[in-house]
C-alpha atoms as a PDB file:
ATOM      1  CA  UNK A   1      19.146 143.937-150.229  1.00  0.00           C
ATOM      2  CA  UNK A   2      20.520 147.433-151.041  1.00  0.00           C
ATOM      3  CA  UNK A   3      17.921 147.845-153.823  1.00  0.00           C
ATOM      4  CA  UNK A   4      17.318 151.460-152.816  1.00  0.00           C
ATOM      5  CA  UNK A   5      15.548 152.544-156.004  1.00  0.00           C
ATOM      6  CA  UNK A   6      13.023 149.712-155.624  1.00  0.00           C
ATOM      7  CA  UNK A   7      12.495 150.505-151.946  1.00  0.00           C
ATOM      8  CA  UNK A   8      11.795 154.230-152.289  1.00  0.00           C
ATOM      9  CA  UNK A   9       8.265 154.143-153.799  1.00  0.00           C
ATOM     10  CA  UNK A  10       7.084 151.849-150.991  1.00  0.00           C
ATOM     11  CA  UNK A  11       8.642 154.022-148.275  1.00  0.00           C
ATOM     12  CA  UNK A  12       7.094 157.218-149.652  1.00  0.00           C
ATOM     13  CA  UNK A  13       3.755 155.464-150.134  1.00  0.00           C
ATOM     14  CA  UNK A  14       3.808 154.310-146.504  1.00  0.00           C
ATOM     15  CA  UNK A  15       4.398 157.881-145.309  1.00  0.00           C
ATOM     16  CA  UNK A  16       1.669 159.232-147.588  1.00  0.00           C
ATOM     17  CA  UNK A  17      -0.821 156.703-146.178  1.00  0.00           C
ATOM     18  CA  UNK A  18       0.128 157.591-142.594  1.00  0.00           C
ATOM     19  CA  UNK A  19       2.294 160.683-142.032  1.00  0.00           C
ATOM     20  CA  UNK A  20       2.755 159.742-138.376  1.00  0.00           C
ATOM     21  CA  UNK A  21       4.799 156.744-139.573  1.00  0.00           C
ATOM     22  CA  UNK A  22       8.005 158.766-139.897  1.00  0.00           C
ATOM     23  CA  UNK A  23      10.354 155.765-139.684  1.00  0.00           C
ATOM     24  CA  UNK A  24       9.489 155.143-143.344  1.00  0.00           C
ATOM     25  CA  UNK A  25      10.631 158.680-144.196  1.00  0.00           C
ATOM     26  CA  UNK A  26      13.872 158.148-142.271  1.00  0.00           C
ATOM     27  CA  UNK A  27      14.623 155.061-144.352  1.00  0.00           C
ATOM     28  CA  UNK A  28      13.700 156.984-147.503  1.00  0.00           C
ATOM     29  CA  UNK A  29      16.321 159.577-146.519  1.00  0.00           C
ATOM     30  CA  UNK A  30      18.905 156.803-146.177  1.00  0.00           C
ATOM     31  CA  UNK A  31      17.997 155.445-149.600  1.00  0.00           C
ATOM     32  CA  UNK A  32      18.198 158.872-151.250  1.00  0.00           C
ATOM     33  CA  UNK A  33      21.593 159.462-149.662  1.00  0.00           C
ATOM     34  CA  UNK A  34      22.918 156.063-150.748  1.00  0.00           C
ATOM     35  CA  UNK A  35      21.731 156.733-154.287  1.00  0.00           C
ATOM     36  CA  UNK A  36      23.290 160.210-154.335  1.00  0.00           C
ATOM     37  CA  UNK A  37      20.018 161.598-155.680  1.00  0.00           C
ATOM     38  CA  UNK A  38      19.036 165.253-156.002  1.00  0.00           C
ATOM     39  CA  UNK A  39      16.539 164.957-153.153  1.00  0.00           C
ATOM     40  CA  UNK A  40      17.472 167.066-150.107  1.00  0.00           C
ATOM     41  CA  UNK A  41      18.230 164.500-147.412  1.00  0.00           C
ATOM     42  CA  UNK A  42      18.485 167.309-144.846  1.00  0.00           C
ATOM     43  CA  UNK A  43      14.895 168.316-145.577  1.00  0.00           C
ATOM     44  CA  UNK A  44      13.624 164.774-145.123  1.00  0.00           C
ATOM     45  CA  UNK A  45      15.494 164.426-141.829  1.00  0.00           C
ATOM     46  CA  UNK A  46      14.094 167.754-140.620  1.00  0.00           C
ATOM     47  CA  UNK A  47      10.572 166.418-141.147  1.00  0.00           C
ATOM     48  CA  UNK A  48      11.502 163.221-139.303  1.00  0.00           C
ATOM     49  CA  UNK A  49      12.978 165.092-136.335  1.00  0.00           C
ATOM     50  CA  UNK A  50      10.057 167.518-136.172  1.00  0.00           C
ATOM     51  CA  UNK A  51       7.957 164.433-135.395  1.00  0.00           C
ATOM     52  CA  UNK A  52      10.418 162.872-132.984  1.00  0.00           C
ATOM     53  CA  UNK A  53       7.549 162.093-130.612  1.00  0.00           C
ATOM     54  CA  UNK A  54       6.523 159.437-133.160  1.00  0.00           C
ATOM     55  CA  UNK A  55       9.967 157.794-132.996  1.00  0.00           C
ATOM     56  CA  UNK A  56      11.453 155.335-130.531  1.00  0.00           C
ATOM     57  CA  UNK A  57      14.565 156.533-128.638  1.00  0.00           C
ATOM     58  CA  UNK A  58      16.597 154.313-130.970  1.00  0.00           C
ATOM     59  CA  UNK A  59      15.349 156.041-134.130  1.00  0.00           C
ATOM     60  CA  UNK A  60      15.661 159.501-132.582  1.00  0.00           C
ATOM     61  CA  UNK A  61      19.384 158.854-132.120  1.00  0.00           C
ATOM     62  CA  UNK A  62      19.735 157.325-135.593  1.00  0.00           C
ATOM     63  CA  UNK A  63      18.073 160.373-137.182  1.00  0.00           C
ATOM     64  CA  UNK A  64      20.119 162.823-135.101  1.00  0.00           C
ATOM     65  CA  UNK A  65      23.259 160.966-136.089  1.00  0.00           C
ATOM     66  CA  UNK A  66      22.470 161.141-139.776  1.00  0.00           C
ATOM     67  CA  UNK A  67      21.621 164.838-139.560  1.00  0.00           C
ATOM     68  CA  UNK A  68      24.956 165.504-137.826  1.00  0.00           C
ATOM     69  CA  UNK A  69      26.744 163.594-140.579  1.00  0.00           C
ATOM     70  CA  UNK A  70      24.920 165.606-143.256  1.00  0.00           C
ATOM     71  CA  UNK A  71      26.236 168.757-141.555  1.00  0.00           C
ATOM     72  CA  UNK A  72      29.786 167.412-141.529  1.00  0.00           C
ATOM     73  CA  UNK A  73      30.027 166.762-137.784  1.00  0.00           C
ATOM     74  CA  UNK A  74      31.150 163.137-137.771  1.00  0.00           C
ATOM     75  CA  UNK A  75      32.127 163.138-134.089  1.00  0.00           C
ATOM     76  CA  UNK A  76      28.620 164.248-133.083  1.00  0.00           C
ATOM     77  CA  UNK A  77      27.207 161.623-135.440  1.00  0.00           C
ATOM     78  CA  UNK A  78      29.277 158.962-133.649  1.00  0.00           C
ATOM     79  CA  UNK A  79      28.089 160.229-130.268  1.00  0.00           C
ATOM     80  CA  UNK A  80      24.451 159.800-131.319  1.00  0.00           C
ATOM     81  CA  UNK A  81      25.192 156.354-132.734  1.00  0.00           C
ATOM     82  CA  UNK A  82      26.706 155.276-129.427  1.00  0.00           C
ATOM     83  CA  UNK A  83      23.442 156.301-127.765  1.00  0.00           C
ATOM     84  CA  UNK A  84      21.511 154.332-130.382  1.00  0.00           C
ATOM     85  CA  UNK A  85      23.567 151.201-129.694  1.00  0.00           C
ATOM     86  CA  UNK A  86      22.914 151.615-125.969  1.00  0.00           C
ATOM     87  CA  UNK A  87      19.156 151.285-126.541  1.00  0.00           C
ATOM     88  CA  UNK A  88      19.419 148.954-129.541  1.00  0.00           C
ATOM     89  CA  UNK A  89      21.588 145.904-128.862  1.00  0.00           C
ATOM     90  CA  UNK A  90      22.119 143.836-131.992  1.00  0.00           C
ATOM     91  CA  UNK A  91      20.742 146.566-134.284  1.00  0.00           C
ATOM     92  CA  UNK A  92      22.211 148.095-137.426  1.00  0.00           C
ATOM     93  CA  UNK A  93      23.332 151.080-135.343  1.00  0.00           C
ATOM     94  CA  UNK A  94      26.372 148.980-134.380  1.00  0.00           C
ATOM     95  CA  UNK A  95      27.288 148.592-138.062  1.00  0.00           C
ATOM     96  CA  UNK A  96      26.788 152.308-138.714  1.00  0.00           C
ATOM     97  CA  UNK A  97      28.927 153.106-135.675  1.00  0.00           C
ATOM     98  CA  UNK A  98      31.691 150.837-136.980  1.00  0.00           C
ATOM     99  CA  UNK A  99      31.477 152.427-140.435  1.00  0.00           C
ATOM    100  CA  UNK A 100      31.787 155.955-139.036  1.00  0.00           C
ATOM    101  CA  UNK A 101      34.619 154.920-136.706  1.00  0.00           C
ATOM    102  CA  UNK A 102      36.552 153.645-139.718  1.00  0.00           C
ATOM    103  CA  UNK A 103      36.047 157.040-141.368  1.00  0.00           C
ATOM    104  CA  UNK A 104      37.827 158.724-138.445  1.00  0.00           C
ATOM    105  CA  UNK A 105      40.618 156.115-138.376  1.00  0.00           C
ATOM    106  CA  UNK A 106      39.531 154.147-135.325  1.00  0.00           C
ATOM    107  CA  UNK A 107      39.672 150.565-136.654  1.00  0.00           C
ATOM    108  CA  UNK A 108      40.050 148.938-133.242  1.00  0.00           C
ATOM    109  CA  UNK A 109      36.825 150.477-131.979  1.00  0.00           C
ATOM    110  CA  UNK A 110      35.173 149.693-135.315  1.00  0.00           C
ATOM    111  CA  UNK A 111      36.130 146.028-135.020  1.00  0.00           C
ATOM    112  CA  UNK A 112      34.838 145.924-131.442  1.00  0.00           C
ATOM    113  CA  UNK A 113      31.507 147.373-132.580  1.00  0.00           C
ATOM    114  CA  UNK A 114      31.144 144.804-135.357  1.00  0.00           C
ATOM    115  CA  UNK A 115      31.912 141.993-132.934  1.00  0.00           C
ATOM    116  CA  UNK A 116      28.742 142.954-131.044  1.00  0.00           C
ATOM    117  CA  UNK A 117      26.704 141.743-134.017  1.00  0.00           C
ATOM    118  CA  UNK A 118      25.646 138.275-135.138  1.00  0.00           C
ATOM    119  CA  UNK A 119      26.095 138.137-138.936  1.00  0.00           C
ATOM    120  CA  UNK A 120      23.287 135.577-139.171  1.00  0.00           C
ATOM    121  CA  UNK A 121      20.694 137.496-137.166  1.00  0.00           C
ATOM    122  CA  UNK A 122      18.721 140.711-137.501  1.00  0.00           C
ATOM    123  CA  UNK A 123      19.906 143.470-139.791  1.00  0.00           C
ATOM    124  CA  UNK A 124      23.187 141.714-140.618  1.00  0.00           C
ATOM    125  CA  UNK A 125      21.540 138.603-142.070  1.00  0.00           C
ATOM    126  CA  UNK A 126      22.102 138.723-145.831  1.00  0.00           C
ATOM    127  CA  UNK A 127      24.251 141.872-145.497  1.00  0.00           C
ATOM    128  CA  UNK A 128      27.553 141.559-147.362  1.00  0.00           C
ATOM    129  CA  UNK A 129      28.854 144.905-146.125  1.00  0.00           C
ATOM    130  CA  UNK A 130      29.333 143.469-142.621  1.00  0.00           C
ATOM    131  CA  UNK A 131      32.045 141.150-143.939  1.00  0.00           C
ATOM    132  CA  UNK A 132      33.703 143.803-146.067  1.00  0.00           C
ATOM    133  CA  UNK A 133      33.860 146.300-143.204  1.00  0.00           C
ATOM    134  CA  UNK A 134      35.127 143.721-140.698  1.00  0.00           C
ATOM    135  CA  UNK A 135      37.852 142.653-143.125  1.00  0.00           C
ATOM    136  CA  UNK A 136      38.781 146.294-143.692  1.00  0.00           C
ATOM    137  CA  UNK A 137      39.036 146.959-139.939  1.00  0.00           C
ATOM    138  CA  UNK A 138      41.252 143.904-139.454  1.00  0.00           C
ATOM    139  CA  UNK A 139      43.459 144.925-142.361  1.00  0.00           C
ATOM    140  CA  UNK A 140      43.882 148.422-140.908  1.00  0.00           C
ATOM    141  CA  UNK A 141      44.931 146.831-137.604  1.00  0.00           C
ATOM    142  CA  UNK A 142      47.477 144.593-139.315  1.00  0.00           C
ATOM    143  CA  UNK A 143      45.407 141.471-138.617  1.00  0.00           C
ATOM    144  CA  UNK A 144      45.934 140.288-142.174  1.00  0.00           C
ATOM    145  CA  UNK A 145      45.328 136.571-141.572  1.00  0.00           C
ATOM    146  CA  UNK A 146      42.028 137.329-139.845  1.00  0.00           C
ATOM    147  CA  UNK A 147      41.109 139.749-142.626  1.00  0.00           C
ATOM    148  CA  UNK A 148      41.611 136.972-145.208  1.00  0.00           C
ATOM    149  CA  UNK A 149      39.491 134.543-143.194  1.00  0.00           C
ATOM    150  CA  UNK A 150      36.705 137.097-142.789  1.00  0.00           C
ATOM    151  CA  UNK A 151      36.537 138.153-146.430  1.00  0.00           C
ATOM    152  CA  UNK A 152      36.695 134.551-147.649  1.00  0.00           C
ATOM    153  CA  UNK A 153      33.644 133.842-145.521  1.00  0.00           C
ATOM    154  CA  UNK A 154      32.016 136.871-147.120  1.00  0.00           C
ATOM    155  CA  UNK A 155      32.905 135.632-150.602  1.00  0.00           C
ATOM    156  CA  UNK A 156      31.505 132.192-149.809  1.00  0.00           C
ATOM    157  CA  UNK A 157      28.205 133.705-148.715  1.00  0.00           C
ATOM    158  CA  UNK A 158      28.039 136.351-151.447  1.00  0.00           C
ATOM    159  CA  UNK A 159      29.955 135.028-154.471  1.00  0.00           C
ATOM    160  CA  UNK A 160      28.450 137.717-156.709  1.00  0.00           C
ATOM    161  CA  UNK A 161      30.027 140.572-154.699  1.00  0.00           C
ATOM    162  CA  UNK A 162      33.285 141.244-156.512  1.00  0.00           C
ATOM    163  CA  UNK A 163      34.219 143.985-154.046  1.00  0.00           C
ATOM    164  CA  UNK A 164      35.298 141.115-151.784  1.00  0.00           C
ATOM    165  CA  UNK A 165      38.059 140.308-154.281  1.00  0.00           C
ATOM    166  CA  UNK A 166      39.592 143.714-153.584  1.00  0.00           C
ATOM    167  CA  UNK A 167      39.624 143.176-149.814  1.00  0.00           C
ATOM    168  CA  UNK A 168      41.155 139.705-150.184  1.00  0.00           C
ATOM    169  CA  UNK A 169      43.770 140.958-152.645  1.00  0.00           C
ATOM    170  CA  UNK A 170      44.915 143.633-150.196  1.00  0.00           C
ATOM    171  CA  UNK A 171      45.406 141.266-147.286  1.00  0.00           C
ATOM    172  CA  UNK A 172      46.989 138.451-149.293  1.00  0.00           C
ATOM    173  CA  UNK A 173      49.457 140.939-150.710  1.00  0.00           C
ATOM    174  CA  UNK A 174      50.217 142.333-147.255  1.00  0.00           C
ATOM    175  CA  UNK A 175      51.083 138.768-146.243  1.00  0.00           C
ATOM    176  CA  UNK A 176      53.179 138.222-149.379  1.00  0.00           C
ATOM    177  CA  UNK A 177      51.158 135.132-150.358  1.00  0.00           C
ATOM    178  CA  UNK A 178      51.966 135.205-154.061  1.00  0.00           C
ATOM    179  CA  UNK A 179      50.582 131.766-154.962  1.00  0.00           C
ATOM    180  CA  UNK A 180      47.262 132.637-153.330  1.00  0.00           C
ATOM    181  CA  UNK A 181      47.216 135.924-155.245  1.00  0.00           C
ATOM    182  CA  UNK A 182      47.752 134.093-158.554  1.00  0.00           C
ATOM    183  CA  UNK A 183      44.856 131.791-157.695  1.00  0.00           C
ATOM    184  CA  UNK A 184      42.678 134.771-156.812  1.00  0.00           C
ATOM    185  CA  UNK A 185      43.466 136.491-160.121  1.00  0.00           C
ATOM    186  CA  UNK A 186      42.526 133.274-161.924  1.00  0.00           C
ATOM    187  CA  UNK A 187      39.206 133.116-160.055  1.00  0.00           C
ATOM    188  CA  UNK A 188      38.534 136.780-160.769  1.00  0.00           C
ATOM    189  CA  UNK A 189      39.105 136.252-164.474  1.00  0.00           C
ATOM    190  CA  UNK A 190      36.553 133.441-164.595  1.00  0.00           C
ATOM    191  CA  UNK A 191      33.641 135.902-164.281  1.00  0.00           C
ATOM    192  CA  UNK A 192      33.019 139.340-165.759  1.00  0.00           C
ATOM    193  CA  UNK A 193      34.055 142.438-163.831  1.00  0.00           C
ATOM    194  CA  UNK A 194      31.289 144.672-162.522  1.00  0.00           C
ATOM    195  CA  UNK A 195      33.365 147.846-162.597  1.00  0.00           C
ATOM    196  CA  UNK A 196      36.801 149.249-163.370  1.00  0.00           C
ATOM    197  CA  UNK A 197      37.909 148.683-159.780  1.00  0.00           C
ATOM    198  CA  UNK A 198      37.506 144.894-159.788  1.00  0.00           C
ATOM    199  CA  UNK A 199      38.965 143.837-163.112  1.00  0.00           C
ATOM    200  CA  UNK A 200      41.898 141.433-162.939  1.00  0.00           C
ATOM    201  CA  UNK A 201      44.222 144.246-163.971  1.00  0.00           C
ATOM    202  CA  UNK A 202      42.915 146.477-161.182  1.00  0.00           C
ATOM    203  CA  UNK A 203      43.407 143.688-158.647  1.00  0.00           C
ATOM    204  CA  UNK A 204      46.986 143.211-159.839  1.00  0.00           C
ATOM    205  CA  UNK A 205      47.631 146.939-159.448  1.00  0.00           C
ATOM    206  CA  UNK A 206      46.212 146.857-155.912  1.00  0.00           C
ATOM    207  CA  UNK A 207      48.368 143.836-155.081  1.00  0.00           C
ATOM    208  CA  UNK A 208      51.473 145.535-156.460  1.00  0.00           C
ATOM    209  CA  UNK A 209      50.969 148.635-154.320  1.00  0.00           C
ATOM    210  CA  UNK A 210      50.338 146.554-151.193  1.00  0.00           C
ATOM    211  CA  UNK A 211      53.335 144.284-151.809  1.00  0.00           C
ATOM    212  CA  UNK A 212      55.629 147.277-152.191  1.00  0.00           C
ATOM    213  CA  UNK A 213      54.186 148.922-149.073  1.00  0.00           C
ATOM    214  CA  UNK A 214      55.132 145.807-147.106  1.00  0.00           C
ATOM    215  CA  UNK A 215      58.682 145.564-148.434  1.00  0.00           C
ATOM    216  CA  UNK A 216      58.176 143.130-151.314  1.00  0.00           C
ATOM    217  CA  UNK A 217      59.444 145.531-153.977  1.00  0.00           C
ATOM    218  CA  UNK A 218      60.430 142.893-156.563  1.00  0.00           C
ATOM    219  CA  UNK A 219      57.169 140.956-156.199  1.00  0.00           C
ATOM    220  CA  UNK A 220      55.252 144.215-156.527  1.00  0.00           C
END
């Protein structure tokens, strides 16, 4: 549920009760990284990898991938993630692979990775980020209609996630669908913003930039 602060005490407690259960420490490292805390994620991953004999091949590759990313080697991180997907069909490694592929501007491969996952099964069940990333990959490929369909499904499932409004705004604007944009702004204004990036004004600014980028200067 991305409640990393709530998860951490349980993960550390699990490792304290049984320090051979290093998967809990790996997930603690992920939580600390996602929170941007002062805890040294590298140090946690070093402990995890020192006990690699306690990990499945899948988690060895996941940990190696994250360590490579911490050291700034995204290509090596992707290589390890590919190995993780090979031994973990349907696992979150496919999502992580897609995410990292988007970071190196490979949206086609990212989309292909996400299509290996069932959004209603396993790690993707209840995971909004799947829909946001898939919409983003489609948008980057110019599949704007598909991007709109994907993010609308994400909004339907997770109406509280206002980040989806940003993704939908981008693709609607790329398509020049002004009436749909007006409707989206109206919907966005019906509930409070959760940050400066998803206010109605911010959405209008995003739409303006996207409209201009696609030749609709006056509409922008």
